[in-house]
């Protein structure tokens, strides 16, 4: 029998698996992020009976977002890797069986 932590991880994984979840890159566009967050919070609240204080959660997330943005910790990985390749920098790639540069 499968149990639950009652901490909301099930809905989080279902959103990820269904590809409608929120990603870190969404934080780059705060207005869009808030819309996505409010939509998902309402959906999870209704479908899973999760009580969510949206305003408090968004305020906390905004603090994390500001820190990440101030420290340039959110980047477009594809653009960054392509720039590194263009600059002749070495890149360590983990978890791939082969890598071919063109």
C-alpha atoms as a PDB file:
ATOM      1  CA  UNK A   1       0.000   0.000   0.000  1.00  0.00           C
ATOM      2  CA  UNK A   2       1.287   3.442  -0.870  1.00  0.00           C
ATOM      3  CA  UNK A   3       1.205   6.105   1.782  1.00  0.00           C
ATOM      4  CA  UNK A   4       1.471   9.861   1.695  1.00  0.00           C
ATOM      5  CA  UNK A   5       3.550  12.414   3.519  1.00  0.00           C
ATOM      6  CA  UNK A   6       0.594  14.840   3.526  1.00  0.00           C
ATOM      7  CA  UNK A   7       3.081  17.516   2.475  1.00  0.00           C
ATOM      8  CA  UNK A   8       2.057  18.058  -1.142  1.00  0.00           C
ATOM      9  CA  UNK A   9       4.799  16.137  -2.912  1.00  0.00           C
ATOM     10  CA  UNK A  10       2.300  13.973  -4.839  1.00  0.00           C
ATOM     11  CA  UNK A  11       0.727  16.928  -6.639  1.00  0.00           C
ATOM     12  CA  UNK A  12       4.198  18.337  -7.271  1.00  0.00           C
ATOM     13  CA  UNK A  13       5.336  15.163  -9.011  1.00  0.00           C
ATOM     14  CA  UNK A  14       2.078  14.864 -10.940  1.00  0.00           C
ATOM     15  CA  UNK A  15       2.548  18.432 -12.231  1.00  0.00           C
ATOM     16  CA  UNK A  16       6.100  17.610 -13.271  1.00  0.00           C
ATOM     17  CA  UNK A  17       5.123  14.351 -14.953  1.00  0.00           C
ATOM     18  CA  UNK A  18       2.221  16.036 -16.754  1.00  0.00           C
ATOM     19  CA  UNK A  19       4.513  18.908 -17.803  1.00  0.00           C
ATOM     20  CA  UNK A  20       2.336  21.702 -16.443  1.00  0.00           C
ATOM     21  CA  UNK A  21       4.387  22.408 -13.338  1.00  0.00           C
ATOM     22  CA  UNK A  22       6.406  25.500 -12.587  1.00  0.00           C
ATOM     23  CA  UNK A  23      10.127  25.552 -13.339  1.00  0.00           C
ATOM     24  CA  UNK A  24      12.896  27.705 -11.906  1.00  0.00           C
ATOM     25  CA  UNK A  25      13.204  29.507 -15.246  1.00  0.00           C
ATOM     26  CA  UNK A  26       9.641  30.739 -14.801  1.00  0.00           C
ATOM     27  CA  UNK A  27      10.955  32.993 -12.034  1.00  0.00           C
ATOM     28  CA  UNK A  28      12.615  35.164 -14.686  1.00  0.00           C
ATOM     29  CA  UNK A  29       9.172  36.509 -15.616  1.00  0.00           C
ATOM     30  CA  UNK A  30       7.521  37.331 -12.289  1.00  0.00           C
ATOM     31  CA  UNK A  31       4.079  38.308 -13.617  1.00  0.00           C
ATOM     32  CA  UNK A  32       3.787  35.083 -15.614  1.00  0.00           C
ATOM     33  CA  UNK A  33       5.145  33.104 -12.672  1.00  0.00           C
ATOM     34  CA  UNK A  34       2.448  34.513 -10.379  1.00  0.00           C
ATOM     35  CA  UNK A  35      -0.272  33.580 -12.866  1.00  0.00           C
ATOM     36  CA  UNK A  36       1.046  30.019 -13.169  1.00  0.00           C
ATOM     37  CA  UNK A  37       1.463  29.736  -9.412  1.00  0.00           C
ATOM     38  CA  UNK A  38      -2.061  30.992  -8.680  1.00  0.00           C
ATOM     39  CA  UNK A  39      -3.537  28.635 -11.264  1.00  0.00           C
ATOM     40  CA  UNK A  40      -1.682  25.604  -9.877  1.00  0.00           C
ATOM     41  CA  UNK A  41      -2.344  26.548  -6.252  1.00  0.00           C
ATOM     42  CA  UNK A  42      -6.060  26.824  -6.943  1.00  0.00           C
ATOM     43  CA  UNK A  43      -6.074  23.549  -8.873  1.00  0.00           C
ATOM     44  CA  UNK A  44      -4.167  21.654  -6.158  1.00  0.00           C
ATOM     45  CA  UNK A  45      -6.233  23.208  -3.415  1.00  0.00           C
ATOM     46  CA  UNK A  46      -9.460  22.064  -5.059  1.00  0.00           C
ATOM     47  CA  UNK A  47      -8.346  18.649  -6.315  1.00  0.00           C
ATOM     48  CA  UNK A  48      -6.144  17.561  -3.404  1.00  0.00           C
ATOM     49  CA  UNK A  49      -7.663  19.463  -0.513  1.00  0.00           C
ATOM     50  CA  UNK A  50      -4.413  21.314   0.126  1.00  0.00           C
ATOM     51  CA  UNK A  51      -4.744  24.547   2.082  1.00  0.00           C
ATOM     52  CA  UNK A  52      -2.497  27.196   0.570  1.00  0.00           C
ATOM     53  CA  UNK A  53      -1.883  30.757   1.686  1.00  0.00           C
ATOM     54  CA  UNK A  54      -1.052  32.074  -1.783  1.00  0.00           C
ATOM     55  CA  UNK A  55      -0.034  35.554  -0.680  1.00  0.00           C
ATOM     56  CA  UNK A  56       2.388  34.291   1.983  1.00  0.00           C
ATOM     57  CA  UNK A  57       3.816  31.642  -0.343  1.00  0.00           C
ATOM     58  CA  UNK A  58       4.340  34.149  -3.161  1.00  0.00           C
ATOM     59  CA  UNK A  59       6.021  36.600  -0.784  1.00  0.00           C
ATOM     60  CA  UNK A  60       8.450  33.883   0.325  1.00  0.00           C
ATOM     61  CA  UNK A  61       9.081  32.750  -3.242  1.00  0.00           C
ATOM     62  CA  UNK A  62       9.714  36.379  -4.265  1.00  0.00           C
ATOM     63  CA  UNK A  63      12.439  36.623  -1.611  1.00  0.00           C
ATOM     64  CA  UNK A  64      14.120  33.515  -3.017  1.00  0.00           C
ATOM     65  CA  UNK A  65      13.657  34.826  -6.551  1.00  0.00           C
ATOM     66  CA  UNK A  66      15.293  38.137  -5.680  1.00  0.00           C
ATOM     67  CA  UNK A  67      18.285  36.336  -4.174  1.00  0.00           C
ATOM     68  CA  UNK A  68      18.631  34.069  -7.207  1.00  0.00           C
ATOM     69  CA  UNK A  69      18.297  36.973  -9.625  1.00  0.00           C
ATOM     70  CA  UNK A  70      20.702  39.229  -7.705  1.00  0.00           C
ATOM     71  CA  UNK A  71      23.314  36.468  -7.785  1.00  0.00           C
ATOM     72  CA  UNK A  72      22.670  35.541 -11.432  1.00  0.00           C
ATOM     73  CA  UNK A  73      21.818  31.969 -10.464  1.00  0.00           C
ATOM     74  CA  UNK A  74      19.063  31.505 -13.047  1.00  0.00           C
ATOM     75  CA  UNK A  75      20.370  31.219 -16.581  1.00  0.00           C
ATOM     76  CA  UNK A  76      19.339  29.788 -19.926  1.00  0.00           C
ATOM     77  CA  UNK A  77      21.561  26.707 -19.899  1.00  0.00           C
ATOM     78  CA  UNK A  78      21.476  26.199 -23.657  1.00  0.00           C
ATOM     79  CA  UNK A  79      22.619  29.759 -24.327  1.00  0.00           C
ATOM     80  CA  UNK A  80      25.282  29.535 -21.634  1.00  0.00           C
ATOM     81  CA  UNK A  81      26.727  26.257 -22.940  1.00  0.00           C
ATOM     82  CA  UNK A  82      26.704  27.541 -26.517  1.00  0.00           C
ATOM     83  CA  UNK A  83      28.539  30.679 -25.404  1.00  0.00           C
ATOM     84  CA  UNK A  84      31.106  28.573 -23.540  1.00  0.00           C
ATOM     85  CA  UNK A  85      31.614  26.423 -26.637  1.00  0.00           C
ATOM     86  CA  UNK A  86      32.018  29.534 -28.801  1.00  0.00           C
ATOM     87  CA  UNK A  87      34.582  30.887 -26.320  1.00  0.00           C
ATOM     88  CA  UNK A  88      36.508  27.608 -26.448  1.00  0.00           C
ATOM     89  CA  UNK A  89      35.842  26.765 -22.807  1.00  0.00           C
ATOM     90  CA  UNK A  90      35.789  23.188 -21.575  1.00  0.00           C
ATOM     91  CA  UNK A  91      32.462  21.742 -20.436  1.00  0.00           C
ATOM     92  CA  UNK A  92      31.955  18.702 -18.230  1.00  0.00           C
ATOM     93  CA  UNK A  93      28.825  16.783 -19.220  1.00  0.00           C
ATOM     94  CA  UNK A  94      27.542  14.147 -16.852  1.00  0.00           C
ATOM     95  CA  UNK A  95      25.100  11.361 -17.604  1.00  0.00           C
ATOM     96  CA  UNK A  96      25.498  11.246 -21.371  1.00  0.00           C
ATOM     97  CA  UNK A  97      26.901   8.308 -23.261  1.00  0.00           C
ATOM     98  CA  UNK A  98      28.467  10.463 -25.953  1.00  0.00           C
ATOM     99  CA  UNK A  99      28.850  14.086 -26.900  1.00  0.00           C
ATOM    100  CA  UNK A 100      29.736  15.403 -30.306  1.00  0.00           C
ATOM    101  CA  UNK A 101      30.621  19.036 -30.942  1.00  0.00           C
ATOM    102  CA  UNK A 102      29.914  20.501 -34.372  1.00  0.00           C
END
